[in-house]
Amino acid sequence: MSELDPSLLIPVGVIFFLLLLSAFFSGSETALTAVSKARMHKLASDGDKRARRVNFLIRDRERLIGAILLGNNLVNILATSLATSVFISIFGSTGVATIIATATMTMMVLVFAEVTPKTAAIARSDAFAMLVAPVMRWVVYIFAPITRVVQLLVRGFLRVFGLDVSKHSAVLSAQDELRGAIDLHHSEGRVDKEARDLIRGALELDELRVEEIMIHRKSIEMLDLDRKNDEIIRQALKSTHTRLPLYRENPDNIIGILHAKDLLRALWSANGDARAINFEKLARQPYFVPETTTLQEQLAAFKLKQEHFALVVDEYGAIMGLVTMEDILEEIVGEIEDEYDSPVQGVRPQGDGSINVDGNVTIRDLNRAVDWNLPDDEAVTVAGLVIHEGQCIPDVGQTFSFHGFRFTILRRRRNQITALKIIPIAQPSL
């Protein structure tokens, strides 16, 4: 081994400088890919110039990553080449020097140019990104011609294998990203259940159809126009609803919608004489909507038509149920109840950890009430889920286990399941 030449101090200093550049590129890559786009957008809207630079860089992530990787590889290769020449000058043997240079540079790059800066960047990604953005903007600009060629080559190569990485091929939508972010923050304790349900409810309006939240026709209070006027008025005044459908001969033949205020005004004008009331003239025009309408579309239609009540029909025009503005709003804010109500009508928690549920409770309402995750792709109600999974109409006392829960049939009326007992099944620890 020859003595250390003072002239080697310069290349050694250059090596350390290149390692610093490598650390800069590594930290910048981590910070700019992990930075919060929402927070940067907010800061940029508030006039923060550093956040605007970050937004400019991350607008084209492919170009940004290409420039960072190009710079990082250049400095790492150059540093390794210089280290090899330095060790050859010290040890003299080309083979030994190459091995020592490779081992030494691997450790130095790993510790000081990769792990350390990336760990720091992950811990303070937003601050780190705004710090390096001014320099990285020039790096991206200088390397732009080379990175553009690299982008074209990479995209062409990936298309050979059927992989499209164009800007319009993103798998996740903005709604999916927001839902994932909200669920993550909820699991970390930074967003409470009520706020999570509120945001998710608003995001899912475009995915839910009115048939999934409507009041089924069996539960609709209707007024039969073939009855005497005093009977119709008595039934209308006993109802807790302000709008009631009027029908003649059969419930599918809807004549109109009776509003309680219109009825009271008519009674007042007729001095309380029920025989003087003409319900067909008093009724408002019924508003029909197809069962496949999304909640987002129906909410917009309610606002446009200034309506609060719609009858839901199937493709044959038969009445399937009804939906109101309140039903849609409750999908966002949840059920509105007083201190004596249960969180969801028909859901009764038991002392043994089980829950008794009416069969007509929707899976969505049950999930929101008790924070479960039962699937609602194949059925709307809990009873429908059991029938779908069991492939039969079960008898009282039958028990089914699926999706991590045990379902026991408590009551049944003819072919309708009216009450079930549900208890989570303890999952074995891994």
Protein backbone atom coordinates (compact mmCIF):
# COMPACT_ATOMS: atom_id res chain seq x y z
CA MET A 1 0.00 0.00 0.00
CA SER A 2 1.44 3.37 -1.06
CA GLU A 3 1.47 6.48 1.12
CA LEU A 4 -1.48 8.87 0.98
CA ASP A 5 -0.89 11.51 -1.68
CA PRO A 6 -1.94 15.04 -0.62
CA SER A 7 -3.32 15.52 -4.11
CA LEU A 8 -6.04 12.95 -3.29
CA LEU A 9 -7.67 15.38 -0.85
CA ILE A 10 -9.42 17.15 -3.73
CA PRO A 11 -11.13 14.03 -5.18
CA VAL A 12 -12.02 12.91 -1.63
CA GLY A 13 -13.65 16.30 -1.06
CA VAL A 14 -15.48 15.97 -4.39
CA ILE A 15 -16.74 12.52 -3.32
CA PHE A 16 -18.22 13.93 -0.12
CA PHE A 17 -19.80 16.78 -2.08
CA LEU A 18 -21.35 14.27 -4.50
CA LEU A 19 -22.69 12.29 -1.53
CA LEU A 20 -24.35 15.48 -0.29
CA LEU A 21 -25.92 15.95 -3.72
CA SER A 22 -27.10 12.34 -3.65
CA ALA A 23 -28.66 12.92 -0.24
CA PHE A 24 -30.36 16.04 -1.61
CA PHE A 25 -31.83 14.13 -4.54
CA SER A 26 -32.96 11.20 -2.35
CA GLY A 27 -34.60 13.44 0.23
CA SER A 28 -36.24 15.54 -2.49
CA GLU A 29 -37.68 12.44 -4.15
CA THR A 30 -39.26 11.24 -0.90
CA ALA A 31 -40.54 14.65 0.18
CA LEU A 32 -42.04 15.61 -3.18
CA THR A 33 -43.80 12.25 -3.62
CA ALA A 34 -45.12 12.16 -0.03
CA VAL A 35 -46.14 15.82 0.16
CA SER A 36 -49.82 16.55 0.84
CA LYS A 37 -51.34 17.91 -2.37
CA ALA A 38 -54.35 19.23 -0.45
CA ARG A 39 -52.17 21.15 2.02
CA MET A 40 -49.98 22.56 -0.75
CA HIS A 41 -53.09 23.66 -2.65
CA LYS A 42 -54.40 25.43 0.46
CA LEU A 43 -51.06 27.16 1.13
CA ALA A 44 -50.76 28.20 -2.52
CA SER A 45 -54.28 29.63 -2.39
CA ASP A 46 -53.21 31.64 0.65
CA GLY A 47 -50.32 33.15 -1.34
CA ASP A 48 -47.38 30.93 -0.29
CA LYS A 49 -44.86 31.07 -3.17
CA ARG A 50 -42.96 28.00 -1.97
CA ALA A 51 -46.17 25.94 -2.07
CA ARG A 52 -46.80 27.18 -5.63
CA ARG A 53 -43.36 25.90 -6.65
CA VAL A 54 -44.14 22.53 -5.10
CA ASN A 55 -47.46 22.37 -6.96
CA PHE A 56 -45.66 23.16 -10.20
CA LEU A 57 -43.23 20.30 -9.63
CA ILE A 58 -45.75 17.64 -8.60
CA ARG A 59 -48.13 18.53 -11.44
CA ASP A 60 -46.05 16.23 -13.65
CA ARG A 61 -44.70 13.59 -11.29
CA GLU A 62 -43.28 11.46 -14.07
CA ARG A 63 -41.06 14.30 -15.29
CA LEU A 64 -40.09 15.16 -11.70
CA ILE A 65 -39.10 11.59 -10.79
CA GLY A 66 -37.18 11.24 -14.06
CA ALA A 67 -35.11 14.36 -13.34
CA ILE A 68 -34.42 13.31 -9.72
CA LEU A 69 -33.37 9.77 -10.67
CA LEU A 70 -31.19 11.07 -13.50
CA GLY A 71 -29.38 13.48 -11.18
CA ASN A 72 -29.09 10.91 -8.39
CA ASN A 73 -27.63 8.23 -10.66
CA LEU A 74 -25.16 10.67 -12.20
CA VAL A 75 -23.73 11.78 -8.86
CA ASN A 76 -23.67 8.22 -7.45
CA ILE A 77 -21.85 6.79 -10.47
CA LEU A 78 -19.41 9.69 -10.51
CA ALA A 79 -18.76 9.35 -6.76
CA THR A 80 -18.16 5.60 -7.11
CA SER A 81 -15.77 6.12 -10.05
CA LEU A 82 -13.77 8.72 -8.11
CA ALA A 83 -13.68 6.49 -5.03
CA THR A 84 -12.32 3.61 -7.12
CA SER A 85 -9.50 5.80 -8.52
CA VAL A 86 -8.68 7.05 -5.00
CA PHE A 87 -8.44 3.53 -3.60
CA ILE A 88 -6.35 2.38 -6.58
CA SER A 89 -3.92 5.20 -5.77
CA ILE A 90 -3.79 4.09 -2.12
CA PHE A 91 -3.73 0.27 -2.47
CA GLY A 92 -2.23 -0.04 -5.90
CA SER A 93 -4.06 -3.28 -6.78
CA THR A 94 -6.95 -2.74 -9.15
CA GLY A 95 -8.99 -5.77 -7.94
CA VAL A 96 -8.61 -5.05 -4.20
CA ALA A 97 -9.23 -1.33 -4.70
CA THR A 98 -12.41 -1.98 -6.66
CA ILE A 99 -13.79 -4.30 -3.95
CA ILE A 100 -12.96 -1.85 -1.15
CA ALA A 101 -14.34 1.11 -3.12
CA THR A 102 -17.58 -0.76 -3.87
CA ALA A 103 -18.10 -1.83 -0.24
CA THR A 104 -17.23 1.61 1.15
CA MET A 105 -19.40 3.56 -1.28
CA THR A 106 -22.31 1.16 -0.83
CA MET A 107 -22.31 1.76 2.93
CA MET A 108 -21.85 5.53 2.61
CA VAL A 109 -24.55 5.89 -0.05
CA LEU A 110 -26.95 3.65 1.88
CA VAL A 111 -26.51 5.40 5.24
CA PHE A 112 -25.79 9.03 4.35
CA ALA A 113 -27.33 9.44 0.89
CA GLU A 114 -30.43 7.21 1.11
CA VAL A 115 -31.74 6.19 4.55
CA THR A 116 -30.88 9.36 6.48
CA PRO A 117 -32.30 11.97 4.05
CA LYS A 118 -35.37 9.87 3.24
CA THR A 119 -36.15 9.35 6.92
CA ALA A 120 -35.89 13.11 7.49
CA ALA A 121 -38.04 13.81 4.43
CA ILE A 122 -40.78 11.41 5.56
CA ALA A 123 -40.89 13.02 9.01
CA ARG A 124 -41.25 16.56 7.59
CA SER A 125 -42.37 16.00 4.01
CA ASP A 126 -44.22 19.30 3.51
CA ALA A 127 -41.50 21.50 4.98
CA PHE A 128 -38.75 19.53 3.19
CA ALA A 129 -40.60 19.78 -0.13
CA MET A 130 -40.99 23.56 0.12
CA LEU A 131 -37.31 23.87 1.08
CA VAL A 132 -35.97 21.97 -1.94
CA ALA A 133 -38.57 23.15 -4.48
CA PRO A 134 -36.64 26.22 -5.74
CA VAL A 135 -33.52 24.17 -6.56
CA MET A 136 -35.48 21.20 -7.92
CA ARG A 137 -37.33 23.50 -10.29
CA TRP A 138 -34.03 24.35 -12.01
CA VAL A 139 -32.94 20.70 -11.98
CA VAL A 140 -36.16 19.67 -13.72
CA TYR A 141 -35.74 22.49 -16.25
CA ILE A 142 -32.12 21.59 -17.07
CA PHE A 143 -32.80 17.86 -17.39
CA ALA A 144 -36.11 18.34 -19.25
CA PRO A 145 -34.85 17.31 -22.76
CA ILE A 146 -33.26 14.12 -21.42
CA THR A 147 -36.19 13.17 -19.17
CA ARG A 148 -38.60 13.70 -22.07
CA VAL A 149 -36.72 11.17 -24.18
CA VAL A 150 -36.60 8.78 -21.22
CA GLN A 151 -40.37 9.17 -20.70
CA LEU A 152 -41.09 8.26 -24.31
CA LEU A 153 -38.81 5.23 -24.15
CA VAL A 154 -40.33 4.00 -20.87
CA ARG A 155 -43.93 4.44 -22.05
CA GLY A 156 -43.18 2.68 -25.32
CA PHE A 157 -41.50 -0.20 -23.51
CA LEU A 158 -44.39 -0.60 -21.04
CA ARG A 159 -47.00 -0.55 -23.81
CA VAL A 160 -45.32 -3.64 -25.25
CA PHE A 161 -46.48 -5.42 -22.07
CA GLY A 162 -49.96 -3.84 -22.21
CA LEU A 163 -49.38 -1.34 -19.40
CA ASP A 164 -50.70 2.18 -20.03
CA VAL A 165 -49.18 4.81 -17.74
CA SER A 166 -50.71 7.86 -19.41
CA LYS A 167 -52.26 10.60 -17.31
CA HIS A 168 -55.78 9.34 -18.06
CA SER A 169 -55.22 5.76 -16.89
CA ALA A 170 -55.47 6.32 -13.13
CA VAL A 171 -57.22 3.45 -11.38
CA LEU A 172 -58.48 5.35 -8.35
CA SER A 173 -60.90 8.25 -8.70
CA ALA A 174 -60.73 11.38 -6.58
CA GLN A 175 -63.65 10.01 -4.53
CA ASP A 176 -61.74 6.79 -3.85
CA GLU A 177 -58.71 8.76 -2.70
CA LEU A 178 -60.81 10.93 -0.40
CA ARG A 179 -62.57 7.91 1.08
CA GLY A 180 -59.24 6.19 1.65
CA ALA A 181 -57.80 9.30 3.31
CA ILE A 182 -60.84 9.72 5.58
CA ASP A 183 -60.78 6.04 6.61
CA LEU A 184 -57.04 6.27 7.31
CA HIS A 185 -57.43 9.39 9.47
CA HIS A 186 -60.34 7.75 11.31
CA SER A 187 -58.29 4.63 12.03
CA GLU A 188 -55.51 6.87 13.37
CA GLY A 189 -57.94 8.71 15.63
CA ARG A 190 -57.64 12.08 13.89
CA VAL A 191 -61.21 12.05 12.51
CA ASP A 192 -64.17 10.93 14.63
CA LYS A 193 -66.85 8.54 13.39
CA GLU A 194 -69.50 11.24 12.88
CA ALA A 195 -67.22 13.35 10.69
CA ARG A 196 -66.14 10.28 8.70
CA ASP A 197 -69.75 9.21 8.09
CA LEU A 198 -70.70 12.76 7.09
CA ILE A 199 -67.96 13.05 4.47
CA ARG A 200 -68.40 9.51 3.16
CA GLY A 201 -72.15 10.02 2.90
CA ALA A 202 -71.67 13.09 0.72
CA LEU A 203 -69.13 11.26 -1.47
CA GLU A 204 -71.39 8.25 -2.01
CA LEU A 205 -74.49 10.10 -3.23
CA ASP A 206 -73.49 9.46 -6.83
CA GLU A 207 -73.11 5.72 -6.19
CA LEU A 208 -76.39 5.05 -4.36
CA ARG A 209 -79.73 4.68 -6.14
CA VAL A 210 -83.10 5.75 -4.77
CA GLU A 211 -84.24 2.12 -4.61
CA GLU A 212 -81.59 1.54 -1.93
CA ILE A 213 -82.97 4.13 0.49
CA MET A 214 -86.65 4.43 -0.49
CA ILE A 215 -89.51 3.58 1.80
CA HIS A 216 -90.96 0.34 0.43
CA ARG A 217 -94.50 0.44 -0.91
CA LYS A 218 -95.64 -1.90 1.90
CA SER A 219 -94.73 0.83 4.41
CA ILE A 220 -96.30 3.76 2.55
CA GLU A 221 -99.42 5.35 4.06
CA MET A 222 -101.90 5.97 1.23
CA LEU A 223 -105.42 7.39 1.09
CA ASP A 224 -108.13 5.54 -0.84
CA LEU A 225 -110.37 7.99 -2.71
CA ASP A 226 -113.15 5.39 -2.88
CA ARG A 227 -113.71 5.87 0.86
CA LYS A 228 -115.95 8.51 2.36
CA ASN A 229 -114.53 12.00 2.82
CA ASP A 230 -114.67 11.95 6.60
CA GLU A 231 -112.77 8.63 6.69
CA ILE A 232 -110.08 10.04 4.40
CA ILE A 233 -109.75 13.18 6.54
CA ARG A 234 -109.61 11.16 9.76
CA GLN A 235 -106.85 8.94 8.35
CA ALA A 236 -104.91 11.96 7.04
CA LEU A 237 -105.05 13.78 10.38
CA LYS A 238 -103.94 10.65 12.27
CA SER A 239 -100.86 10.27 10.05
CA THR A 240 -97.47 11.59 11.15
CA HIS A 241 -96.68 12.57 7.55
CA THR A 242 -97.54 15.85 5.85
CA ARG A 243 -97.71 14.42 2.30
CA LEU A 244 -99.86 11.37 1.51
CA PRO A 245 -100.47 9.71 -1.88
CA LEU A 246 -104.09 9.48 -3.06
CA TYR A 247 -105.16 6.48 -5.14
CA ARG A 248 -108.30 5.10 -6.70
CA GLU A 249 -109.17 1.40 -7.11
CA ASN A 250 -105.58 0.14 -6.56
CA PRO A 251 -102.40 1.61 -5.03
CA ASP A 252 -100.65 1.75 -8.44
CA ASN A 253 -103.28 4.20 -9.70
CA ILE A 254 -101.98 7.33 -7.95
CA ILE A 255 -104.26 10.34 -8.51
CA GLY A 256 -102.18 12.91 -6.66
CA ILE A 257 -100.46 13.91 -3.42
CA LEU A 258 -102.42 15.40 -0.53
CA HIS A 259 -100.56 17.95 1.56
CA ALA A 260 -101.75 18.39 5.16
CA LYS A 261 -101.64 22.20 4.89
CA ASP A 262 -103.84 22.13 1.79
CA LEU A 263 -106.32 19.92 3.63
CA LEU A 264 -106.45 22.22 6.66
CA ARG A 265 -106.98 25.29 4.45
CA ALA A 266 -109.79 23.52 2.58
CA LEU A 267 -111.47 22.49 5.85
CA TRP A 268 -111.21 26.04 7.14
CA SER A 269 -112.77 27.41 3.93
CA ALA A 270 -115.56 24.80 4.12
CA ASN A 271 -116.24 25.56 7.81
CA GLY A 272 -115.24 22.01 8.69
CA ASP A 273 -117.68 20.33 6.30
CA ALA A 274 -115.89 17.19 5.09
CA ARG A 275 -118.48 16.61 2.35
CA ALA A 276 -117.47 19.86 0.65
CA ILE A 277 -113.88 18.74 0.11
CA ASN A 278 -112.93 17.73 -3.45
CA PHE A 279 -109.76 15.72 -2.96
CA GLU A 280 -108.98 15.38 -6.66
CA LYS A 281 -108.89 19.16 -7.08
CA LEU A 282 -107.04 19.56 -3.80
CA ALA A 283 -104.34 17.02 -4.68
CA ARG A 284 -101.00 18.10 -6.07
CA GLN A 285 -99.48 16.58 -9.19
CA PRO A 286 -97.58 13.38 -8.30
CA TYR A 287 -93.87 13.31 -9.09
CA PHE A 288 -92.52 9.96 -10.31
CA VAL A 289 -88.85 8.95 -10.59
CA PRO A 290 -87.26 5.71 -11.85
CA GLU A 291 -85.73 3.42 -9.24
CA THR A 292 -82.31 3.59 -10.91
CA THR A 293 -81.90 7.35 -10.31
CA THR A 294 -78.83 8.13 -8.20
CA LEU A 295 -79.18 10.15 -5.01
CA GLN A 296 -77.00 12.90 -6.49
CA GLU A 297 -79.32 13.20 -9.49
CA GLN A 298 -82.44 13.06 -7.33
CA LEU A 299 -81.15 15.71 -4.93
CA ALA A 300 -80.46 18.01 -7.87
CA ALA A 301 -83.94 17.27 -9.29
CA PHE A 302 -85.60 18.05 -5.94
CA LYS A 303 -83.84 21.42 -5.83
CA LEU A 304 -84.66 22.22 -9.45
CA LYS A 305 -88.34 21.28 -9.18
CA GLN A 306 -88.67 22.60 -5.62
CA GLU A 307 -90.10 19.25 -4.56
CA HIS A 308 -89.53 17.26 -1.39
CA PHE A 309 -91.39 14.06 -2.22
CA ALA A 310 -91.23 11.59 -5.12
CA LEU A 311 -92.82 8.23 -5.88
CA VAL A 312 -90.38 5.58 -7.12
CA VAL A 313 -91.47 3.36 -10.03
CA ASP A 314 -89.87 0.40 -11.77
CA GLU A 315 -89.39 -0.06 -15.52
CA TYR A 316 -93.04 -1.15 -15.87
CA GLY A 317 -94.39 1.93 -14.09
CA ALA A 318 -95.41 0.05 -10.94
CA ILE A 319 -95.03 1.85 -7.62
CA MET A 320 -92.00 0.52 -5.73
CA GLY A 321 -91.79 3.05 -2.92
CA LEU A 322 -91.20 6.70 -2.17
CA VAL A 323 -88.20 8.89 -1.45
CA THR A 324 -88.04 12.32 0.18
CA MET A 325 -85.51 15.10 0.44
CA GLU A 326 -85.05 14.16 4.10
CA ASP A 327 -84.17 10.57 3.17
CA ILE A 328 -81.33 11.81 0.95
CA LEU A 329 -80.05 14.33 3.50
CA GLU A 330 -80.03 11.63 6.18
CA GLU A 331 -77.67 9.62 4.01
CA ILE A 332 -75.19 12.45 4.63
CA VAL A 333 -75.88 13.61 8.18
CA GLY A 334 -77.32 10.38 9.57
CA GLU A 335 -80.61 9.82 11.35
CA ILE A 336 -82.12 12.76 13.23
CA GLU A 337 -83.46 11.55 16.55
CA ASP A 338 -84.16 12.76 20.07
CA GLU A 339 -82.64 11.40 23.27
CA TYR A 340 -85.22 8.60 23.51
CA ASP A 341 -84.57 7.15 20.07
CA SER A 342 -82.11 4.42 19.21
CA PRO A 343 -79.41 5.49 16.71
CA VAL A 344 -81.28 3.66 13.95
CA GLN A 345 -84.91 2.60 14.15
CA GLY A 346 -85.01 -1.19 14.41
CA VAL A 347 -81.49 -1.67 15.83
CA ARG A 348 -81.44 -2.79 19.48
CA PRO A 349 -78.07 -3.59 21.14
CA GLN A 350 -78.21 -6.41 23.70
CA GLY A 351 -76.26 -6.93 26.91
CA ASP A 352 -74.37 -9.96 25.56
CA GLY A 353 -72.80 -7.96 22.73
CA SER A 354 -75.30 -9.07 20.10
CA ILE A 355 -77.71 -6.79 18.25
CA ASN A 356 -81.35 -7.47 17.46
CA VAL A 357 -82.22 -6.02 14.08
CA ASP A 358 -85.50 -5.68 12.22
CA GLY A 359 -85.33 -7.36 8.84
CA ASN A 360 -86.19 -4.18 6.91
CA VAL A 361 -83.22 -2.21 8.33
CA THR A 362 -80.85 -1.35 5.50
CA ILE A 363 -77.32 -2.71 5.58
CA ARG A 364 -75.99 0.81 5.07
CA ASP A 365 -77.83 2.14 8.15
CA LEU A 366 -76.69 -0.82 10.25
CA ASN A 367 -73.05 -0.33 9.19
CA ARG A 368 -73.18 3.35 10.08
CA ALA A 369 -74.90 2.72 13.41
CA VAL A 370 -72.50 0.10 14.77
CA ASP A 371 -69.43 0.76 12.57
CA TRP A 372 -69.53 -2.61 10.81
CA ASN A 373 -68.62 -3.35 7.21
CA LEU A 374 -71.28 -5.76 5.93
CA PRO A 375 -71.41 -5.78 2.09
CA ASP A 376 -74.41 -4.14 0.43
CA ASP A 377 -73.63 -5.00 -3.19
CA GLU A 378 -76.17 -7.84 -3.53
CA ALA A 379 -78.87 -6.77 -1.05
CA VAL A 380 -80.26 -3.57 0.45
CA THR A 381 -81.71 -4.84 3.75
CA VAL A 382 -80.33 -7.18 6.40
CA ALA A 383 -83.06 -9.72 5.63
CA GLY A 384 -82.15 -9.55 1.95
CA LEU A 385 -78.49 -10.22 2.78
CA VAL A 386 -79.39 -13.36 4.74
CA ILE A 387 -81.66 -14.64 1.95
CA HIS A 388 -78.96 -13.94 -0.65
CA GLU A 389 -76.21 -15.67 1.31
CA GLY A 390 -78.39 -18.58 2.48
CA GLN A 391 -80.02 -19.04 -0.94
CA CYS A 392 -83.32 -19.76 0.83
CA ILE A 393 -86.04 -18.22 2.97
CA PRO A 394 -84.95 -19.44 6.41
CA ASP A 395 -87.14 -20.64 9.27
CA VAL A 396 -87.22 -19.17 12.76
CA GLY A 397 -84.25 -20.41 14.77
CA GLN A 398 -81.99 -21.07 11.80
CA THR A 399 -78.46 -19.69 12.10
CA PHE A 400 -76.06 -18.57 9.36
CA SER A 401 -72.45 -17.47 9.56
CA PHE A 402 -70.83 -15.31 6.91
CA HIS A 403 -68.73 -12.14 6.58
CA GLY A 404 -67.48 -12.56 10.16
CA PHE A 405 -70.97 -12.48 11.78
CA ARG A 406 -73.54 -14.99 13.02
CA PHE A 407 -77.17 -14.36 12.01
CA THR A 408 -80.04 -16.04 13.89
CA ILE A 409 -83.64 -15.72 12.65
CA LEU A 410 -85.88 -14.51 15.49
CA ARG A 411 -89.16 -13.80 13.72
CA ARG A 412 -90.71 -14.42 10.32
CA ARG A 413 -94.06 -13.37 8.83
CA ARG A 414 -95.02 -15.53 5.88
CA ASN A 415 -92.00 -15.19 3.52
CA GLN A 416 -90.65 -12.07 5.19
CA ILE A 417 -87.88 -12.09 7.81
CA THR A 418 -88.94 -9.52 10.39
CA ALA A 419 -86.27 -9.83 13.09
CA LEU A 420 -82.73 -11.23 13.42
CA LYS A 421 -80.04 -11.51 16.04
CA ILE A 422 -76.54 -10.63 14.85
CA ILE A 423 -73.33 -11.18 16.78
CA PRO A 424 -69.74 -10.71 15.56
CA ILE A 425 -67.66 -13.87 15.40
CA ALA A 426 -64.32 -13.55 17.18
CA GLN A 427 -61.52 -13.81 14.63
CA PRO A 428 -58.47 -15.92 15.56
CA SER A 429 -55.36 -13.83 16.15
CA LEU A 430 -52.58 -14.25 13.61
